[in-house]
Every structure is written in C-alpha cells, then in structure tokens.
C-alpha cells in the first residue's frame, strides 16, 4: 500500500468516516450573525478547553467546552472567516481550525484539523494564531478546501470517504454517556500511532506535514 507521507506511518484506519452537511439555521433570528458550533476532541473530549476565535476586522469570541467537548459561539457574519483555537485546561497541546459561511456552521477542532492546515503549508501554533490579520485570515479561508483535499489525499490508502471534512464532519467524542463515532475513533488511532512512533511529538508531526516530509 502506498503511503504518501511518513508523518502518518503506522496509522491504521479501519473505520469509514461519516460526513454530515451543514444545514440552514431555521432558528436564526438575523442574517447578520452566524452561530458556530463544534466539538473539540483528541480521541477524548477536550473538557473545559478554552475556545478562542480570531476573526476578520479584529473580531473575536470565546467559549468553554462542555463535558462532551462541545461549544457554541455567535459572531457577526461580517467578521467571518474566523480561525479557532482550543487550549486544554491546565496546559498542553492546543489545536486549531478555521470556519467560513453564514447562518449556522460547524467548526470542529481536533488534531486532524491542525494536520489539515499543516498539509496546506501552515504550521498552526500559538505564535501563528496570535499574528493572524485580515490578509492572513482570508488566505486561510481560501486554503481550507486545499487543506481538506491534501488530508484526504494523504489518507487515500485507508479508504476515507471522498468528501470527508475534518472541519465539519460529525464528531462525537466518547464520554461515559455517549459512544464516540468513527471520527473520534480515528483520532484515537492517530494518538496511538503517535505514541508508538519514534517521535511522539505532535509539534514534530505538524512540522513534518507542513514541509512535506
């Protein structure tokens, strides 16, 4: 089996992933605002994580994830696109994402969203996030489709659905009250592969993906 990049060597993906499309927000009271919902997870939910949004025209928003890693924020539609950061409570590896659209949109934050950005030539970290400006946000939004395509190409040997989108596909993180879905199990496999690799650093994984090694 061909493996197009060594950063995911050892990653065995046996499950197919579920894709859900974002529907219209029939409950939205105004087209001038956009509701962003998502899940922050790494294979387990990022409980109590700090969610920060940096948006167009100096827009910003913040939230804290619940026991399932879920969050919801509302921003002026004029301030999209937005980049998102999920910082775990107590410190540790943050993860990053991006969202566009209007009305009601999904924006997951996971190691796969960080990896997708890295495969599009971005090294997402706190320094990058803090330096985002209008031009960088617009370029990030323009690169989102390429990021998804690059991730799907890199994992094509594992039978992913052609339209899998780590940013907006259904992500249910396993908790005591709910079973994780295929996206969540993929994150668990990624974490296991990292732990078994010679260099288990996720920062190194991102750097390798960003420079194509």
N, C-alpha and C. Protein backbone atom coordinates (compact mmCIF):
# COMPACT_ATOMS: atom_id res chain seq x y z
N UNK A 1 0.85 -1.20 0.00
CA UNK A 1 0.00 0.00 0.00
C UNK A 1 0.87 1.24 0.00
N UNK A 2 0.59 2.14 -0.85
CA UNK A 2 1.36 3.38 -0.91
C UNK A 2 0.99 4.27 0.26
N UNK A 3 1.98 4.89 0.88
CA UNK A 3 1.76 5.82 1.97
C UNK A 3 2.45 7.11 1.60
N UNK A 4 1.70 8.14 1.20
CA UNK A 4 2.28 9.31 0.57
C UNK A 4 3.08 10.22 1.49
N UNK A 5 3.06 10.03 2.78
CA UNK A 5 3.84 10.90 3.65
C UNK A 5 4.17 10.16 4.94
N UNK A 6 5.40 10.30 5.43
CA UNK A 6 5.81 9.49 6.57
C UNK A 6 5.24 9.96 7.88
N UNK A 7 4.61 11.17 7.90
CA UNK A 7 4.10 11.65 9.18
C UNK A 7 2.98 10.80 9.75
N UNK A 8 2.27 10.01 8.89
CA UNK A 8 1.20 9.18 9.42
C UNK A 8 1.57 7.70 9.37
N UNK A 9 2.89 7.39 9.22
CA UNK A 9 3.31 5.99 9.16
C UNK A 9 2.86 5.27 10.42
N UNK A 10 2.34 4.11 10.25
CA UNK A 10 1.87 3.30 11.37
C UNK A 10 0.42 3.56 11.72
N UNK A 11 -0.20 4.54 11.09
CA UNK A 11 -1.59 4.85 11.38
C UNK A 11 -2.49 3.86 10.65
N UNK A 12 -3.21 3.04 11.35
CA UNK A 12 -4.08 2.03 10.74
C UNK A 12 -5.51 2.49 10.92
N UNK A 13 -6.15 2.76 9.81
CA UNK A 13 -7.50 3.29 9.87
C UNK A 13 -8.44 2.25 9.28
N UNK A 14 -9.24 1.63 10.12
CA UNK A 14 -10.10 0.58 9.64
C UNK A 14 -11.55 1.00 9.50
N UNK A 15 -11.91 2.14 10.07
CA UNK A 15 -13.32 2.55 10.07
C UNK A 15 -13.59 3.55 8.98
N UNK A 16 -14.77 3.51 8.42
CA UNK A 16 -15.18 4.56 7.49
C UNK A 16 -15.71 5.71 8.30
N UNK A 17 -15.59 6.93 7.76
CA UNK A 17 -15.97 8.13 8.49
C UNK A 17 -17.27 8.67 7.96
N UNK A 18 -18.03 9.30 8.85
CA UNK A 18 -19.33 9.84 8.49
C UNK A 18 -19.22 11.30 8.16
N UNK A 19 -19.91 11.71 7.11
CA UNK A 19 -19.91 13.11 6.68
C UNK A 19 -21.31 13.67 6.82
N UNK A 20 -21.41 14.83 7.45
CA UNK A 20 -22.70 15.49 7.52
C UNK A 20 -22.56 16.88 6.93
N UNK A 21 -23.55 17.28 6.19
CA UNK A 21 -23.55 18.62 5.61
C UNK A 21 -24.19 19.57 6.59
N UNK A 22 -23.71 20.81 6.55
CA UNK A 22 -24.28 21.84 7.41
C UNK A 22 -25.61 22.28 6.81
N UNK A 23 -26.67 22.29 7.61
CA UNK A 23 -27.97 22.72 7.12
C UNK A 23 -28.22 24.17 7.44
N UNK A 24 -29.32 24.68 6.93
CA UNK A 24 -29.71 26.05 7.23
C UNK A 24 -30.13 26.15 8.68
N UNK A 25 -29.84 27.27 9.30
CA UNK A 25 -30.24 27.51 10.67
C UNK A 25 -31.61 28.19 10.64
N UNK A 26 -32.67 27.36 10.72
CA UNK A 26 -34.02 27.90 10.60
C UNK A 26 -34.40 28.73 11.81
N UNK A 27 -33.64 28.56 12.91
CA UNK A 27 -33.96 29.32 14.11
C UNK A 27 -33.19 30.62 14.22
N UNK A 28 -32.35 30.92 13.26
CA UNK A 28 -31.56 32.14 13.36
C UNK A 28 -32.47 33.36 13.28
N UNK A 29 -32.23 34.31 14.18
CA UNK A 29 -33.10 35.47 14.25
C UNK A 29 -32.65 36.56 13.30
N UNK A 30 -31.41 36.50 12.85
CA UNK A 30 -30.91 37.56 11.99
C UNK A 30 -29.80 37.02 11.12
N UNK A 31 -29.82 37.42 9.83
CA UNK A 31 -28.77 37.01 8.91
C UNK A 31 -27.47 37.74 9.19
N UNK A 32 -27.49 38.70 10.09
CA UNK A 32 -26.27 39.46 10.38
C UNK A 32 -25.37 38.75 11.36
N UNK A 33 -25.83 37.65 11.95
CA UNK A 33 -24.99 36.89 12.87
C UNK A 33 -24.88 35.44 12.39
N UNK A 34 -23.79 34.81 12.76
CA UNK A 34 -23.56 33.41 12.44
C UNK A 34 -23.29 32.64 13.73
N UNK A 35 -23.96 31.53 13.89
CA UNK A 35 -23.76 30.67 15.05
C UNK A 35 -22.78 29.56 14.66
N UNK A 36 -21.72 29.46 15.42
CA UNK A 36 -20.69 28.46 15.17
C UNK A 36 -20.75 27.42 16.28
N UNK A 37 -20.98 26.18 15.91
CA UNK A 37 -20.98 25.09 16.87
C UNK A 37 -19.91 24.09 16.47
N UNK A 38 -19.38 23.40 17.43
CA UNK A 38 -18.36 22.42 17.11
C UNK A 38 -18.00 21.57 18.30
N UNK A 39 -17.08 20.66 18.07
CA UNK A 39 -16.56 19.78 19.11
C UNK A 39 -15.05 19.84 19.09
N UNK A 40 -14.46 19.99 20.25
CA UNK A 40 -13.01 19.93 20.39
C UNK A 40 -12.67 18.59 21.04
N UNK A 41 -11.89 17.79 20.32
CA UNK A 41 -11.59 16.44 20.82
C UNK A 41 -10.27 15.97 20.25
N UNK A 42 -9.65 15.05 20.97
CA UNK A 42 -8.38 14.46 20.53
C UNK A 42 -8.45 12.94 20.49
N UNK A 43 -9.64 12.40 20.60
CA UNK A 43 -9.88 10.99 20.84
C UNK A 43 -10.67 10.85 22.12
N UNK A 44 -10.52 11.84 22.98
CA UNK A 44 -11.37 12.09 24.13
C UNK A 44 -11.80 13.55 24.02
N UNK A 45 -12.93 13.91 24.60
CA UNK A 45 -13.34 15.31 24.52
C UNK A 45 -12.37 16.22 25.27
N UNK A 46 -12.15 17.41 24.73
CA UNK A 46 -11.35 18.41 25.44
C UNK A 46 -12.29 19.14 26.39
N UNK A 47 -12.46 18.60 27.56
CA UNK A 47 -13.41 19.13 28.55
C UNK A 47 -12.85 20.40 29.19
N UNK A 48 -13.66 21.45 29.24
CA UNK A 48 -13.24 22.69 29.86
C UNK A 48 -12.18 23.44 29.09
N UNK A 49 -12.01 23.11 27.80
CA UNK A 49 -11.00 23.79 26.99
C UNK A 49 -11.43 25.22 26.69
N UNK A 50 -10.45 26.09 26.58
CA UNK A 50 -10.71 27.48 26.21
C UNK A 50 -10.74 27.60 24.70
N UNK A 51 -11.88 27.99 24.16
CA UNK A 51 -12.04 28.20 22.73
C UNK A 51 -11.91 29.69 22.44
N UNK A 52 -11.01 30.02 21.54
CA UNK A 52 -10.78 31.42 21.17
C UNK A 52 -10.92 31.55 19.66
N UNK A 53 -11.63 32.58 19.22
CA UNK A 53 -11.79 32.87 17.80
C UNK A 53 -11.12 34.19 17.47
N UNK A 54 -10.35 34.20 16.39
CA UNK A 54 -9.81 35.42 15.82
C UNK A 54 -10.44 35.58 14.44
N UNK A 55 -11.14 36.69 14.25
CA UNK A 55 -11.96 36.86 13.06
C UNK A 55 -11.59 38.11 12.29
N UNK A 56 -12.17 38.22 11.13
CA UNK A 56 -11.93 39.36 10.26
C UNK A 56 -12.28 40.67 10.98
N UNK A 57 -11.56 41.74 10.62
CA UNK A 57 -11.81 43.08 11.16
C UNK A 57 -11.71 43.13 12.68
N UNK A 58 -10.72 42.41 13.21
CA UNK A 58 -10.44 42.38 14.65
C UNK A 58 -11.58 41.79 15.47
N UNK A 59 -12.43 41.00 14.84
CA UNK A 59 -13.49 40.33 15.58
C UNK A 59 -12.92 39.21 16.44
N UNK A 60 -13.61 38.93 17.52
CA UNK A 60 -13.15 37.86 18.41
C UNK A 60 -14.35 37.30 19.17
N UNK A 61 -14.18 36.13 19.70
CA UNK A 61 -15.19 35.49 20.53
C UNK A 61 -14.49 34.41 21.34
N UNK A 62 -15.16 33.94 22.37
CA UNK A 62 -14.57 32.89 23.20
C UNK A 62 -15.68 32.04 23.81
N UNK A 63 -15.31 30.85 24.22
CA UNK A 63 -16.25 29.93 24.84
C UNK A 63 -15.45 28.91 25.63
N UNK A 64 -16.14 28.09 26.39
CA UNK A 64 -15.53 26.98 27.11
C UNK A 64 -16.30 25.72 26.76
N UNK A 65 -15.59 24.64 26.47
CA UNK A 65 -16.25 23.40 26.08
C UNK A 65 -16.93 22.73 27.26
N UNK A 66 -17.98 21.96 26.95
CA UNK A 66 -18.70 21.24 27.98
C UNK A 66 -18.10 19.84 28.17
N UNK A 67 -18.81 19.00 28.88
CA UNK A 67 -18.29 17.67 29.22
C UNK A 67 -18.14 16.76 28.00
N UNK A 68 -18.76 17.14 26.87
CA UNK A 68 -18.61 16.37 25.63
C UNK A 68 -17.66 17.04 24.65
N UNK A 69 -17.02 18.14 25.07
CA UNK A 69 -16.12 18.88 24.19
C UNK A 69 -16.85 19.83 23.25
N UNK A 70 -18.14 20.03 23.46
CA UNK A 70 -18.93 20.86 22.56
C UNK A 70 -18.88 22.33 22.96
N UNK A 71 -19.06 23.21 21.98
CA UNK A 71 -19.09 24.64 22.24
C UNK A 71 -19.98 25.32 21.21
N UNK A 72 -20.45 26.51 21.55
CA UNK A 72 -21.25 27.33 20.64
C UNK A 72 -20.88 28.79 20.86
N UNK A 73 -20.66 29.51 19.78
CA UNK A 73 -20.42 30.96 19.84
C UNK A 73 -21.19 31.61 18.70
N UNK A 74 -21.50 32.88 18.87
CA UNK A 74 -22.16 33.66 17.82
C UNK A 74 -21.31 34.87 17.50
N UNK A 75 -21.09 35.10 16.21
CA UNK A 75 -20.26 36.22 15.77
C UNK A 75 -20.99 36.97 14.66
N UNK A 76 -20.69 38.25 14.46
CA UNK A 76 -21.25 38.95 13.30
C UNK A 76 -20.79 38.26 12.01
N UNK A 77 -21.71 38.04 11.10
CA UNK A 77 -21.37 37.38 9.84
C UNK A 77 -20.28 38.14 9.09
N UNK A 78 -20.29 39.46 9.23
CA UNK A 78 -19.28 40.28 8.56
C UNK A 78 -17.88 40.01 9.05
N UNK A 79 -17.75 39.34 10.22
CA UNK A 79 -16.42 39.07 10.77
C UNK A 79 -15.85 37.72 10.34
N UNK A 80 -16.60 36.96 9.57
CA UNK A 80 -16.04 35.70 9.07
C UNK A 80 -15.18 35.95 7.83
N UNK A 81 -14.15 35.16 7.61
CA UNK A 81 -13.80 33.90 8.28
C UNK A 81 -13.16 34.13 9.65
N UNK A 82 -13.17 33.05 10.42
CA UNK A 82 -12.54 33.04 11.74
C UNK A 82 -11.61 31.84 11.86
N UNK A 83 -10.50 32.04 12.55
CA UNK A 83 -9.65 30.94 12.98
C UNK A 83 -10.02 30.60 14.41
N UNK A 84 -9.89 29.34 14.77
CA UNK A 84 -10.26 28.90 16.11
C UNK A 84 -9.10 28.18 16.77
N UNK A 85 -9.01 28.36 18.07
CA UNK A 85 -8.02 27.67 18.87
C UNK A 85 -8.71 26.99 20.04
N UNK A 86 -8.29 25.77 20.36
CA UNK A 86 -8.78 25.06 21.55
C UNK A 86 -7.57 24.77 22.44
N UNK A 87 -7.53 25.42 23.58
CA UNK A 87 -6.42 25.23 24.53
C UNK A 87 -6.91 24.39 25.70
N UNK A 88 -6.28 23.25 25.95
CA UNK A 88 -6.76 22.37 27.02
C UNK A 88 -6.59 23.00 28.39
N UNK A 89 -7.51 22.71 29.29
CA UNK A 89 -7.42 23.20 30.64
C UNK A 89 -6.17 22.63 31.30
N UNK A 90 -5.43 23.47 31.99
CA UNK A 90 -4.21 23.02 32.65
C UNK A 90 -2.99 23.00 31.76
N UNK A 91 -3.13 23.43 30.49
CA UNK A 91 -1.99 23.46 29.57
C UNK A 91 -1.90 22.21 28.72
N UNK A 92 -0.99 22.24 27.78
CA UNK A 92 -0.82 21.12 26.86
C UNK A 92 -0.99 21.56 25.42
N UNK A 93 -1.08 20.59 24.51
CA UNK A 93 -1.14 20.85 23.09
C UNK A 93 -2.47 21.50 22.68
N UNK A 94 -2.40 22.69 22.10
CA UNK A 94 -3.58 23.33 21.53
C UNK A 94 -3.81 22.81 20.12
N UNK A 95 -5.05 22.92 19.66
CA UNK A 95 -5.38 22.56 18.29
C UNK A 95 -6.13 23.71 17.64
N UNK A 96 -6.13 23.70 16.29
CA UNK A 96 -6.58 24.86 15.53
C UNK A 96 -7.50 24.45 14.40
N UNK A 97 -8.33 25.42 13.97
CA UNK A 97 -9.30 25.16 12.92
C UNK A 97 -9.63 26.48 12.23
N UNK A 98 -10.53 26.41 11.26
CA UNK A 98 -10.97 27.60 10.53
C UNK A 98 -12.42 27.38 10.12
N UNK A 99 -13.18 28.47 10.04
CA UNK A 99 -14.56 28.36 9.60
C UNK A 99 -14.94 29.55 8.74
N UNK A 100 -15.83 29.29 7.78
CA UNK A 100 -16.40 30.32 6.93
C UNK A 100 -17.90 30.09 6.90
N UNK A 101 -18.62 30.84 6.11
CA UNK A 101 -20.04 30.61 5.94
C UNK A 101 -20.88 31.62 6.68
N UNK A 102 -22.17 31.31 6.80
CA UNK A 102 -23.09 32.21 7.49
C UNK A 102 -24.29 31.41 7.96
N UNK A 103 -25.06 31.99 8.86
CA UNK A 103 -26.26 31.34 9.39
C UNK A 103 -25.92 30.41 10.53
N UNK A 104 -25.61 29.17 10.23
CA UNK A 104 -25.22 28.18 11.23
C UNK A 104 -24.16 27.28 10.61
N UNK A 105 -22.98 27.24 11.22
CA UNK A 105 -21.89 26.47 10.65
C UNK A 105 -21.26 25.59 11.73
N UNK A 106 -20.59 24.54 11.28
CA UNK A 106 -19.88 23.62 12.17
C UNK A 106 -18.39 23.86 12.03
N UNK A 107 -17.71 23.93 13.16
CA UNK A 107 -16.26 24.11 13.15
C UNK A 107 -15.65 23.24 14.24
N UNK A 108 -15.29 22.01 13.89
CA UNK A 108 -14.59 21.14 14.83
C UNK A 108 -13.16 21.60 15.02
N UNK A 109 -12.59 21.23 16.14
CA UNK A 109 -11.18 21.50 16.43
C UNK A 109 -10.57 20.19 16.94
N UNK A 110 -9.59 19.67 16.21
CA UNK A 110 -9.03 18.37 16.54
C UNK A 110 -7.62 18.27 15.97
N UNK A 111 -6.88 17.22 16.32
CA UNK A 111 -5.59 17.01 15.67
C UNK A 111 -5.69 16.93 14.15
N UNK A 112 -6.81 16.43 13.63
CA UNK A 112 -6.95 16.35 12.16
C UNK A 112 -7.17 17.71 11.53
N UNK A 113 -7.83 18.64 12.22
CA UNK A 113 -7.95 19.99 11.65
C UNK A 113 -6.59 20.68 11.66
N UNK A 114 -5.83 20.47 12.74
CA UNK A 114 -4.47 21.03 12.77
C UNK A 114 -3.61 20.43 11.66
N UNK A 115 -3.73 19.12 11.46
CA UNK A 115 -2.95 18.45 10.42
C UNK A 115 -3.36 18.91 9.03
N UNK A 116 -4.65 19.10 8.81
CA UNK A 116 -5.10 19.58 7.51
C UNK A 116 -4.50 20.94 7.20
N UNK A 117 -4.47 21.83 8.18
CA UNK A 117 -3.86 23.14 7.98
C UNK A 117 -2.37 22.99 7.69
N UNK A 118 -1.71 22.09 8.41
CA UNK A 118 -0.28 21.88 8.18
C UNK A 118 -0.01 21.37 6.78
N UNK A 119 -0.86 20.46 6.29
CA UNK A 119 -0.67 19.92 4.95
C UNK A 119 -0.91 20.96 3.86
N UNK A 120 -1.58 22.06 4.22
CA UNK A 120 -1.74 23.17 3.28
C UNK A 120 -0.61 24.18 3.42
N UNK A 121 0.45 23.82 4.16
CA UNK A 121 1.63 24.67 4.26
C UNK A 121 1.64 25.61 5.44
N UNK A 122 0.70 25.44 6.38
CA UNK A 122 0.62 26.28 7.57
C UNK A 122 1.11 25.46 8.76
N UNK A 123 1.87 26.09 9.65
CA UNK A 123 2.23 25.42 10.89
C UNK A 123 1.42 26.07 12.01
N UNK A 124 0.27 25.50 12.34
CA UNK A 124 -0.61 26.14 13.31
C UNK A 124 -0.08 26.01 14.73
N UNK A 125 0.20 27.14 15.35
CA UNK A 125 0.63 27.15 16.74
C UNK A 125 0.22 28.49 17.34
N UNK A 126 0.54 28.71 18.60
CA UNK A 126 0.09 29.92 19.29
C UNK A 126 0.66 31.18 18.66
N UNK A 127 1.89 31.13 18.19
CA UNK A 127 2.51 32.30 17.55
C UNK A 127 1.79 32.65 16.26
N UNK A 128 1.53 31.63 15.45
CA UNK A 128 0.79 31.83 14.20
C UNK A 128 -0.58 32.41 14.47
N UNK A 129 -1.28 31.86 15.47
CA UNK A 129 -2.63 32.29 15.78
C UNK A 129 -2.67 33.75 16.23
N UNK A 130 -1.72 34.12 17.07
CA UNK A 130 -1.70 35.49 17.59
C UNK A 130 -1.41 36.51 16.51
N UNK A 131 -0.71 36.11 15.45
CA UNK A 131 -0.29 37.05 14.41
C UNK A 131 -1.31 37.17 13.27
N UNK A 132 -2.40 36.44 13.31
CA UNK A 132 -3.37 36.48 12.21
C UNK A 132 -3.96 37.87 12.04
N UNK A 133 -4.00 38.33 10.79
CA UNK A 133 -4.64 39.59 10.45
C UNK A 133 -5.63 39.34 9.32
N UNK A 134 -6.24 40.40 8.78
CA UNK A 134 -7.25 40.22 7.74
C UNK A 134 -6.72 39.44 6.54
N UNK A 135 -5.54 39.81 6.08
CA UNK A 135 -4.98 39.15 4.91
C UNK A 135 -4.72 37.67 5.19
N UNK A 136 -4.19 37.39 6.37
CA UNK A 136 -3.88 36.00 6.73
C UNK A 136 -5.16 35.18 6.89
N UNK A 137 -6.19 35.79 7.47
CA UNK A 137 -7.46 35.07 7.64
C UNK A 137 -8.11 34.77 6.29
N UNK A 138 -8.07 35.73 5.38
CA UNK A 138 -8.64 35.49 4.06
C UNK A 138 -7.86 34.42 3.30
N UNK A 139 -6.54 34.43 3.44
CA UNK A 139 -5.72 33.40 2.81
C UNK A 139 -6.00 32.03 3.44
N UNK A 140 -6.21 32.02 4.75
CA UNK A 140 -6.52 30.77 5.44
C UNK A 140 -7.84 30.19 4.94
N UNK A 141 -8.86 31.04 4.82
CA UNK A 141 -10.15 30.57 4.32
C UNK A 141 -10.02 30.04 2.89
N UNK A 142 -9.24 30.74 2.07
CA UNK A 142 -9.04 30.30 0.69
C UNK A 142 -8.31 28.96 0.63
N UNK A 143 -7.50 28.67 1.64
CA UNK A 143 -6.72 27.43 1.65
C UNK A 143 -7.48 26.26 2.26
N UNK A 144 -8.67 26.50 2.81
CA UNK A 144 -9.37 25.45 3.54
C UNK A 144 -9.69 24.24 2.66
N UNK A 145 -10.22 24.49 1.47
CA UNK A 145 -10.54 23.36 0.59
C UNK A 145 -9.30 22.57 0.20
N UNK A 146 -8.21 23.28 -0.06
CA UNK A 146 -6.95 22.60 -0.38
C UNK A 146 -6.46 21.79 0.81
N UNK A 147 -6.67 22.32 2.01
CA UNK A 147 -6.26 21.60 3.21
C UNK A 147 -7.02 20.29 3.34
N UNK A 148 -8.33 20.33 3.10
CA UNK A 148 -9.14 19.11 3.17
C UNK A 148 -8.70 18.13 2.10
N UNK A 149 -8.49 18.63 0.89
CA UNK A 149 -8.07 17.76 -0.21
C UNK A 149 -6.72 17.11 0.08
N UNK A 150 -5.79 17.87 0.64
CA UNK A 150 -4.47 17.32 0.96
C UNK A 150 -4.56 16.23 2.01
N UNK A 151 -5.40 16.45 3.02
CA UNK A 151 -5.57 15.44 4.06
C UNK A 151 -6.17 14.17 3.47
N UNK A 152 -7.22 14.32 2.66
CA UNK A 152 -7.84 13.14 2.05
C UNK A 152 -6.89 12.40 1.13
N UNK A 153 -6.06 13.15 0.39
CA UNK A 153 -5.07 12.51 -0.47
C UNK A 153 -4.04 11.74 0.35
N UNK A 154 -3.59 12.35 1.44
CA UNK A 154 -2.60 11.69 2.28
C UNK A 154 -3.12 10.41 2.90
N UNK A 155 -4.44 10.36 3.15
CA UNK A 155 -5.03 9.19 3.78
C UNK A 155 -5.83 8.34 2.80
N UNK A 156 -5.63 8.55 1.49
CA UNK A 156 -6.45 7.87 0.49
C UNK A 156 -6.28 6.35 0.53
N UNK A 157 -5.13 5.88 0.94
CA UNK A 157 -4.90 4.44 1.00
C UNK A 157 -5.69 3.75 2.08
N UNK A 158 -6.36 4.50 2.93
CA UNK A 158 -7.12 3.92 4.03
C UNK A 158 -8.63 3.97 3.81
N UNK A 159 -9.05 4.30 2.60
CA UNK A 159 -10.46 4.20 2.27
C UNK A 159 -11.36 5.25 2.87
N UNK A 160 -10.85 6.45 3.09
CA UNK A 160 -11.71 7.52 3.61
C UNK A 160 -12.75 7.92 2.57
N UNK A 161 -13.93 8.33 3.02
CA UNK A 161 -14.91 8.87 2.07
C UNK A 161 -14.31 10.05 1.31
N UNK A 162 -14.62 10.17 0.05
CA UNK A 162 -14.02 11.22 -0.78
C UNK A 162 -14.28 12.61 -0.24
N UNK A 163 -15.42 12.79 0.41
CA UNK A 163 -15.79 14.12 0.88
C UNK A 163 -15.59 14.33 2.37
N UNK A 164 -14.79 13.49 3.02
CA UNK A 164 -14.55 13.68 4.44
C UNK A 164 -13.95 15.06 4.70
N UNK A 165 -14.52 15.75 5.66
CA UNK A 165 -14.07 17.10 6.00
C UNK A 165 -13.83 17.17 7.50
N UNK A 166 -12.58 17.22 7.95
CA UNK A 166 -12.32 17.22 9.39
C UNK A 166 -12.90 18.44 10.10
N UNK A 167 -13.10 19.52 9.35
CA UNK A 167 -13.63 20.74 9.95
C UNK A 167 -15.13 20.64 10.24
N UNK A 168 -15.88 19.93 9.41
CA UNK A 168 -17.33 19.95 9.56
C UNK A 168 -18.01 18.59 9.61
N UNK A 169 -17.28 17.51 9.44
CA UNK A 169 -17.90 16.19 9.57
C UNK A 169 -18.30 15.94 11.03
N UNK A 170 -19.31 15.11 11.21
CA UNK A 170 -19.83 14.83 12.54
C UNK A 170 -18.73 14.27 13.44
N UNK A 171 -18.51 14.90 14.58
CA UNK A 171 -17.53 14.44 15.56
C UNK A 171 -18.23 14.28 16.89
N UNK A 172 -18.33 13.04 17.34
CA UNK A 172 -18.88 12.72 18.65
C UNK A 172 -17.78 12.09 19.47
N UNK A 173 -17.34 12.79 20.51
CA UNK A 173 -16.27 12.27 21.36
C UNK A 173 -16.86 11.35 22.42
N UNK A 174 -16.19 10.25 22.66
CA UNK A 174 -16.68 9.27 23.62
C UNK A 174 -16.66 9.82 25.04
N UNK A 175 -17.77 9.64 25.75
CA UNK A 175 -17.88 10.00 27.16
C UNK A 175 -18.57 8.85 27.88
N UNK A 176 -18.77 9.01 29.17
CA UNK A 176 -19.50 7.98 29.92
C UNK A 176 -20.93 7.85 29.45
N UNK A 177 -21.45 8.91 28.83
CA UNK A 177 -22.86 8.92 28.42
C UNK A 177 -23.09 8.72 26.93
N UNK A 178 -22.03 8.74 26.13
CA UNK A 178 -22.22 8.54 24.70
C UNK A 178 -21.01 7.84 24.10
N UNK A 179 -21.28 7.03 23.08
CA UNK A 179 -20.19 6.37 22.37
C UNK A 179 -19.59 7.33 21.35
N UNK A 180 -18.29 7.24 21.16
CA UNK A 180 -17.65 8.04 20.12
C UNK A 180 -18.00 7.50 18.75
N UNK A 181 -17.97 8.36 17.75
CA UNK A 181 -18.25 7.90 16.39
C UNK A 181 -16.96 7.60 15.65
N UNK A 182 -17.04 7.34 14.35
CA UNK A 182 -15.88 6.93 13.58
C UNK A 182 -14.79 8.01 13.54
N UNK A 183 -15.19 9.26 13.47
CA UNK A 183 -14.21 10.36 13.52
C UNK A 183 -13.43 10.28 14.82
N UNK A 184 -14.13 10.10 15.93
CA UNK A 184 -13.47 10.02 17.23
C UNK A 184 -12.52 8.82 17.30
N UNK A 185 -12.95 7.69 16.75
CA UNK A 185 -12.08 6.52 16.77
C UNK A 185 -10.85 6.72 15.91
N UNK A 186 -10.98 7.46 14.83
CA UNK A 186 -9.82 7.80 14.01
C UNK A 186 -8.82 8.62 14.82
N UNK A 187 -9.32 9.56 15.61
CA UNK A 187 -8.44 10.36 16.46
C UNK A 187 -7.72 9.48 17.49
N UNK A 188 -8.42 8.49 18.02
CA UNK A 188 -7.79 7.57 18.96
C UNK A 188 -6.67 6.79 18.29
N UNK A 189 -6.91 6.36 17.05
CA UNK A 189 -5.88 5.62 16.31
C UNK A 189 -4.69 6.51 16.00
N UNK A 190 -4.94 7.76 15.68
CA UNK A 190 -3.84 8.70 15.44
C UNK A 190 -3.00 8.86 16.70
N UNK A 191 -3.67 9.02 17.84
CA UNK A 191 -2.94 9.17 19.10
C UNK A 191 -2.12 7.93 19.41
N UNK A 192 -2.69 6.76 19.18
CA UNK A 192 -1.97 5.52 19.42
C UNK A 192 -0.76 5.40 18.51
N UNK A 193 -0.92 5.79 17.24
CA UNK A 193 0.20 5.73 16.29
C UNK A 193 1.31 6.68 16.71
N UNK A 194 0.94 7.86 17.19
CA UNK A 194 1.95 8.80 17.67
C UNK A 194 2.73 8.23 18.86
N UNK A 195 2.00 7.64 19.78
CA UNK A 195 2.65 7.10 20.97
C UNK A 195 3.60 5.96 20.64
N UNK A 196 3.31 5.24 19.55
CA UNK A 196 4.15 4.12 19.13
C UNK A 196 5.29 4.53 18.20
N UNK A 197 5.31 5.80 17.78
CA UNK A 197 6.31 6.25 16.82
C UNK A 197 7.62 6.64 17.51
N UNK A 198 8.66 6.80 16.72
CA UNK A 198 9.97 7.17 17.27
C UNK A 198 9.94 8.58 17.85
N UNK A 199 9.12 9.45 17.28
CA UNK A 199 8.98 10.81 17.77
C UNK A 199 7.51 11.08 18.02
N UNK A 200 7.04 10.94 19.29
CA UNK A 200 5.62 11.09 19.58
C UNK A 200 5.15 12.53 19.69
N UNK A 201 6.01 13.49 19.38
CA UNK A 201 5.65 14.90 19.50
C UNK A 201 4.67 15.31 18.40
N UNK A 202 3.52 15.85 18.80
CA UNK A 202 2.57 16.31 17.79
C UNK A 202 3.11 17.53 17.06
N UNK A 203 3.90 18.36 17.75
CA UNK A 203 4.52 19.53 17.10
C UNK A 203 5.43 19.08 15.96
N UNK A 204 6.17 17.99 16.16
CA UNK A 204 7.02 17.47 15.09
C UNK A 204 6.19 16.93 13.94
N UNK A 205 5.07 16.29 14.26
CA UNK A 205 4.17 15.79 13.24
C UNK A 205 3.67 16.93 12.37
N UNK A 206 3.27 18.05 13.01
CA UNK A 206 2.81 19.21 12.26
C UNK A 206 3.92 19.77 11.37
N UNK A 207 5.11 19.89 11.93
CA UNK A 207 6.23 20.46 11.16
C UNK A 207 6.54 19.59 9.97
N UNK A 208 6.55 18.27 10.13
CA UNK A 208 6.81 17.36 9.03
C UNK A 208 5.73 17.47 7.96
N UNK A 209 4.48 17.58 8.40
CA UNK A 209 3.39 17.69 7.43
C UNK A 209 3.48 19.00 6.67
N UNK A 210 3.82 20.09 7.36
CA UNK A 210 3.89 21.40 6.72
C UNK A 210 4.99 21.47 5.67
N UNK A 211 6.12 20.78 5.92
CA UNK A 211 7.20 20.86 4.93
C UNK A 211 7.21 19.67 3.98
N UNK A 212 6.18 18.82 4.08
CA UNK A 212 6.00 17.74 3.11
C UNK A 212 6.89 16.54 3.33
N UNK A 213 7.44 16.38 4.54
CA UNK A 213 8.33 15.23 4.79
C UNK A 213 7.61 14.14 5.55
